[in-house]
Amino acid sequence: MSSIFSHAQDPFGDDGHPAAEPLEPVVNTVVVPGPVARAFAGFTDHTHLWWPLEQHGVYGAGSYVEFEENLILETADDGRTSIWGTLDDWQPPLSFHATWHPGTTALWSTELLVVFRAVDAGTEVRVFHEGWEGAEDPAAARTEYVAAWPVILDKFARFMGADGSSDEVTPDAMP
């Protein structure tokens, strides 16, 4: 006896199209002067002082970005707010993990892990951005962040006192 569902499509099975390979994480590293706790505080408590909102914000220059409770939030000068992500693992001063969706909804979120560790020159800050299948347009989102994270981390490094005499931000993944 055949199943009454024998002609139903299996949403997880072979539909005649090759399975898409998952997109690789975007990983960038920067070393900033000072201890781990100072770098973590600079990244999370003082984000509004260094994040390049004119290029990588929802409301542009003049807005304010902050880590507030379990949210990463941008507030425009007129009071409008945009949630960039939700913190789901907070381990100060070593790391945090969040959903990430600036300018869109949590429905289209990716995943962000930022890790801080002591090195001889100060603190290594490594950003792991992945979960591209959660984005509305995964390939476009990944391409955007391949270009964006080095700019963002360069601003952070300068804010933390890196002299800028060398290429501070290292992309660790292939674009």
Foldseek 3Di string as FASTA:
>chain_A
DDDPCPPPDDPPDDPPDDDDDFDAKWKKKFFAAAALLVLQCLVAVVVQVFAQQQVPAQQHPQWGWHCDDQFTWIAHPVGDIWTQWGWDDDDPSFKTKIWGHGPDDSQQTWIWIWGWDQDPRHIMIMIITGRLVSHPDSVVVRVVVNVVPLVRVVSSRVVRPDPPPDSRMDTPDDD
